[in-house]
Amino acid sequence: MHCPRLAFLAILVILSAALTACAPMQIDTTLPVSRAASPNFDARRPNLIVIHHTTDNTLEEAQATLTSPQHAVSAHFLIGRDGRIVQLVAESARAWHAGLSWWGGQTDVNSASIGIELDNNGHEPYAAPQITALLSLLADLRQRYRIPAANVIGHADVAPARKVDPSALFPWDVLARQGFGLWCEPPLPPAPPGFDLALGLTALGYDPRVPDAARRAFRLHYVRGAEVTEEGEKALAACLLRMRAAERD
């Protein structure tokens, strides 16, 4: 009884594939070239997630800024304090959220990342419904893009000389317990003898061209104002590197 319906669906699939194959390929260069379309490609696949805070007091203010041509700034998603999620840019597109940035040698972070803005003025705790919504969104993105835990980072991590978001109040430890980002709880074993902190931060992904700013961003993310010695920072960086290496194995 269902055979005609199945046959009809099969015909639609075949026709769709044929139309796709016949669609004219976009030529990007202005040089004279011939067309030879290849089927061996897919859409942009992000490998980083960068978390921001908006510095605004309402979701409406933040949305107005992120959709304004005059401000020329955007993100893929905006999450309100009440947990509402607004998608602003298609995941396959390059949103303008990271700006001048660096992570692991990548100088065009916008091209490799999903940007998530949290509506928060930068001086307030993050609301529980907002973090719950963020965790759900991160789980959805991880399932579809297989983004490593170590690649969930903050705006300050990729732009340490310019940015401090998502602020020292952001619960990175909560995210890490769900598999998003890295986190090491004290007490930590000492770093290996001769461990160089600057090289360790570069290995984690921080920009070696601004070592002081990179160290501040590292402390903002992983220390969050607690008293820690340089040896403690070394132990923390070494622990994070071990966690990242274990994730790759």
Protein backbone atom coordinates (compact mmCIF):
# COMPACT_ATOMS: atom_id res chain seq x y z
CA MET A 1 0.00 0.00 0.00
CA HIS A 2 2.92 2.33 0.67
CA CYS A 3 4.97 1.39 -2.41
CA PRO A 4 3.71 4.24 -4.65
CA ARG A 5 4.51 6.75 -1.90
CA LEU A 6 8.03 5.32 -1.47
CA ALA A 7 8.59 5.35 -5.21
CA PHE A 8 7.47 8.97 -5.38
CA LEU A 9 9.86 9.95 -2.58
CA ALA A 10 12.70 8.13 -4.32
CA ILE A 11 12.02 10.06 -7.51
CA LEU A 12 12.08 13.34 -5.58
CA VAL A 13 15.47 12.48 -4.05
CA ILE A 14 16.91 11.62 -7.46
CA LEU A 15 15.56 14.81 -9.02
CA SER A 16 16.91 16.90 -6.13
CA ALA A 17 20.38 15.38 -6.53
CA ALA A 18 20.29 15.96 -10.28
CA LEU A 19 19.26 19.59 -9.87
CA THR A 20 22.03 20.14 -7.31
CA ALA A 21 24.60 18.63 -9.66
CA CYS A 22 23.39 20.87 -12.48
CA ALA A 23 23.36 24.06 -10.42
CA PRO A 24 25.88 26.60 -11.70
CA MET A 25 29.04 26.78 -9.61
CA GLN A 26 29.90 30.23 -8.24
CA ILE A 27 33.14 31.62 -9.61
CA ASP A 28 34.96 33.66 -6.98
CA THR A 29 37.96 35.04 -8.86
CA THR A 30 37.77 37.85 -11.40
CA LEU A 31 40.36 36.10 -13.60
CA PRO A 32 39.16 34.25 -16.71
CA VAL A 33 38.61 30.63 -15.62
CA SER A 34 36.61 27.66 -16.82
CA ARG A 35 34.15 25.75 -14.63
CA ALA A 36 34.70 22.15 -13.55
CA ALA A 37 32.47 21.65 -10.53
CA SER A 38 33.58 19.04 -8.01
CA PRO A 39 31.19 17.33 -5.57
CA ASN A 40 33.97 16.98 -2.98
CA PHE A 41 33.21 19.80 -0.54
CA ASP A 42 30.96 20.73 2.35
CA ALA A 43 30.02 23.77 4.40
CA ARG A 44 32.28 25.51 6.91
CA ARG A 45 32.81 23.31 9.98
CA PRO A 46 33.62 25.33 13.12
CA ASN A 47 36.14 23.87 15.57
CA LEU A 48 36.03 26.52 18.33
CA ILE A 49 33.33 28.01 20.51
CA VAL A 50 33.99 31.51 21.88
CA ILE A 51 31.85 32.75 24.77
CA HIS A 52 31.22 36.47 25.36
CA HIS A 53 29.18 38.73 27.59
CA THR A 54 27.27 41.61 26.07
CA THR A 55 27.82 44.35 28.73
CA ASP A 56 24.11 45.20 28.26
CA ASN A 57 21.30 45.17 30.81
CA THR A 58 18.57 43.59 28.68
CA LEU A 59 18.29 41.04 25.91
CA GLU A 60 16.59 43.65 23.73
CA GLU A 61 19.51 46.08 24.07
CA ALA A 62 21.99 43.36 23.21
CA GLN A 63 19.97 42.16 20.23
CA ALA A 64 19.68 45.70 18.89
CA THR A 65 23.47 46.10 19.06
CA LEU A 66 24.21 42.72 17.52
CA THR A 67 21.86 43.32 14.58
CA SER A 68 22.83 46.95 13.92
CA PRO A 69 24.75 47.62 10.68
CA GLN A 70 26.36 50.61 12.37
CA HIS A 71 27.94 48.53 15.14
CA ALA A 72 29.20 45.85 12.69
CA VAL A 73 29.40 43.20 15.42
CA SER A 74 27.49 39.96 15.72
CA ALA A 75 27.49 36.42 17.10
CA HIS A 76 25.81 33.22 16.08
CA PHE A 77 23.73 33.01 19.26
CA LEU A 78 22.53 35.33 22.02
CA ILE A 79 21.27 33.89 25.32
CA GLY A 80 19.15 35.95 27.69
CA ARG A 81 19.16 35.86 31.47
CA ASP A 82 15.89 33.91 31.35
CA GLY A 83 17.38 31.24 29.09
CA ARG A 84 15.91 32.47 25.82
CA ILE A 85 18.18 31.63 22.87
CA VAL A 86 18.21 33.89 19.82
CA GLN A 87 20.06 32.81 16.68
CA LEU A 88 21.53 35.82 14.88
CA VAL A 89 23.82 34.29 12.24
CA ALA A 90 23.75 30.93 10.47
CA GLU A 91 26.31 28.50 11.85
CA SER A 92 27.72 28.02 8.36
CA ALA A 93 28.47 31.76 8.11
CA ARG A 94 31.30 33.81 9.61
CA ALA A 95 29.91 35.99 12.40
CA TRP A 96 31.85 39.11 13.46
CA HIS A 97 32.36 38.35 17.13
CA ALA A 98 36.05 37.74 17.90
CA GLY A 99 37.69 40.67 16.12
CA LEU A 100 41.48 40.89 16.19
CA SER A 101 42.32 37.60 17.85
CA TRP A 102 44.63 34.59 18.14
CA TRP A 103 44.22 31.03 19.34
CA GLY A 104 46.71 28.27 18.73
CA GLY A 105 48.19 30.12 15.77
CA GLN A 106 44.76 30.83 14.25
CA THR A 107 44.59 34.55 13.54
CA ASP A 108 41.12 34.54 12.00
CA VAL A 109 39.14 33.09 14.88
CA ASN A 110 35.86 34.24 13.32
CA SER A 111 36.35 31.82 10.44
CA ALA A 112 36.90 28.84 12.74
CA SER A 113 34.39 29.46 15.50
CA ILE A 114 30.85 29.73 16.78
CA GLY A 115 30.29 32.89 18.83
CA ILE A 116 27.87 32.84 21.78
CA GLU A 117 26.89 36.08 23.52
CA LEU A 118 25.48 35.94 27.06
CA ASP A 119 23.35 38.89 28.08
CA ASN A 120 25.28 40.05 31.15
CA ASN A 121 26.67 43.45 32.07
CA GLY A 122 30.03 41.99 33.16
CA HIS A 123 29.55 42.76 36.86
CA GLU A 124 26.77 40.36 37.80
CA PRO A 125 26.57 36.61 38.45
CA TYR A 126 25.30 34.58 35.52
CA ALA A 127 21.66 33.53 35.93
CA ALA A 128 20.96 29.83 36.38
CA PRO A 129 18.45 29.61 33.46
CA GLN A 130 21.04 31.23 31.21
CA ILE A 131 23.75 28.70 32.10
CA THR A 132 21.26 25.84 31.68
CA ALA A 133 20.40 27.09 28.20
CA LEU A 134 24.09 27.55 27.39
CA LEU A 135 24.85 23.96 28.42
CA SER A 136 22.03 22.69 26.20
CA LEU A 137 23.32 24.71 23.25
CA LEU A 138 26.90 23.53 23.83
CA ALA A 139 25.72 19.91 23.94
CA ASP A 140 23.87 20.40 20.65
CA LEU A 141 26.91 21.99 18.99
CA ARG A 142 29.25 19.30 20.30
CA GLN A 143 27.03 16.55 18.95
CA ARG A 144 26.94 18.07 15.48
CA TYR A 145 30.50 19.42 15.15
CA ARG A 146 32.53 17.22 17.56
CA ILE A 147 34.23 20.28 19.06
CA PRO A 148 36.86 19.24 21.64
CA ALA A 149 36.39 20.30 25.26
CA ALA A 150 39.62 22.31 25.12
CA ASN A 151 38.19 24.41 22.29
CA VAL A 152 35.42 25.99 24.37
CA ILE A 153 37.04 29.28 25.41
CA GLY A 154 36.31 32.91 26.23
CA HIS A 155 36.69 36.12 24.28
CA ALA A 156 39.47 37.19 26.67
CA ASP A 157 41.39 34.01 25.82
CA VAL A 158 41.52 34.84 22.11
CA ALA A 159 41.88 38.63 22.51
CA PRO A 160 43.72 39.05 25.84
CA ALA A 161 45.04 42.53 25.13
CA ARG A 162 41.53 43.89 24.40
CA LYS A 163 38.85 41.87 26.16
CA VAL A 164 37.91 40.53 29.59
CA ASP A 165 34.69 38.68 28.80
CA PRO A 166 32.96 36.56 29.88
CA SER A 167 34.25 38.04 33.20
CA ALA A 168 35.69 36.50 36.35
CA LEU A 169 32.15 35.59 37.45
CA PHE A 170 31.63 33.11 34.64
CA PRO A 171 31.35 29.49 35.92
CA TRP A 172 33.96 27.75 33.80
CA ASP A 173 34.15 24.95 36.36
CA VAL A 174 30.43 24.18 35.87
CA LEU A 175 30.92 23.95 32.11
CA ALA A 176 34.01 21.78 32.46
CA ARG A 177 32.14 19.25 34.60
CA GLN A 178 29.79 18.81 31.63
CA GLY A 179 32.68 18.40 29.19
CA PHE A 180 32.94 21.97 27.88
CA GLY A 181 36.34 23.55 28.47
CA LEU A 182 39.20 22.46 30.70
CA TRP A 183 39.41 22.84 34.47
CA CYS A 184 41.85 21.68 37.16
CA GLU A 185 40.91 21.67 40.84
CA PRO A 186 43.60 22.18 43.52
CA PRO A 187 45.63 20.74 45.08
CA LEU A 188 47.73 20.18 41.97
CA PRO A 189 51.02 18.34 41.58
CA PRO A 190 54.00 20.61 40.81
CA ALA A 191 54.87 21.29 37.19
CA PRO A 192 57.75 19.26 35.75
CA PRO A 193 61.23 20.66 36.47
CA GLY A 194 62.14 23.43 34.05
CA PHE A 195 58.53 24.01 32.99
CA ASP A 196 58.33 27.37 31.20
CA LEU A 197 55.05 29.16 31.90
CA ALA A 198 55.13 31.35 28.77
CA LEU A 199 55.70 28.32 26.55
CA GLY A 200 53.00 26.45 28.42
CA LEU A 201 50.47 29.22 27.78
CA THR A 202 51.41 29.25 24.10
CA ALA A 203 50.91 25.49 23.98
CA LEU A 204 47.44 25.96 25.46
CA GLY A 205 46.63 28.42 22.65
CA TYR A 206 47.39 31.88 24.05
CA ASP A 207 49.02 34.55 21.90
CA PRO A 208 52.81 34.56 22.52
CA ARG A 209 53.12 38.08 21.09
CA VAL A 210 51.43 39.57 24.18
CA PRO A 211 52.77 37.44 27.05
CA ASP A 212 51.64 39.70 29.89
CA ALA A 213 48.11 39.98 28.52
CA ALA A 214 48.01 36.23 27.84
CA ARG A 215 48.96 35.55 31.44
CA ARG A 216 46.23 37.88 32.72
CA ALA A 217 43.66 36.13 30.53
CA PHE A 218 44.87 32.75 31.77
CA ARG A 219 44.44 33.88 35.37
CA LEU A 220 41.01 35.39 34.62
CA HIS A 221 39.81 32.09 33.16
CA TYR A 222 41.42 29.51 35.45
CA VAL A 223 42.40 31.33 38.66
CA ARG A 224 39.64 33.97 38.89
CA GLY A 225 41.28 36.26 41.43
CA ALA A 226 42.47 33.61 43.88
CA GLU A 227 45.93 33.98 45.37
CA VAL A 228 48.38 31.86 43.43
CA THR A 229 52.16 31.91 43.07
CA GLU A 230 54.06 31.59 39.82
CA GLU A 231 54.76 27.98 40.74
CA GLY A 232 51.04 27.53 41.22
CA GLU A 233 50.39 28.98 37.77
CA LYS A 234 52.93 26.58 36.31
CA ALA A 235 51.26 23.65 38.04
CA LEU A 236 47.89 24.77 36.70
CA ALA A 237 49.14 25.20 33.13
CA ALA A 238 50.86 21.81 33.24
CA CYS A 239 47.65 20.19 34.52
CA LEU A 240 45.59 21.75 31.74
CA LEU A 241 48.08 20.59 29.12
CA ARG A 242 47.88 17.04 30.50
CA MET A 243 44.08 17.16 30.32
CA ARG A 244 44.17 18.39 26.73
CA ALA A 245 46.64 15.69 25.74
CA ALA A 246 44.45 13.03 27.35
CA GLU A 247 41.45 14.30 25.42
CA ARG A 248 43.32 13.88 22.14
CA ASP A 249 44.44 10.32 22.89
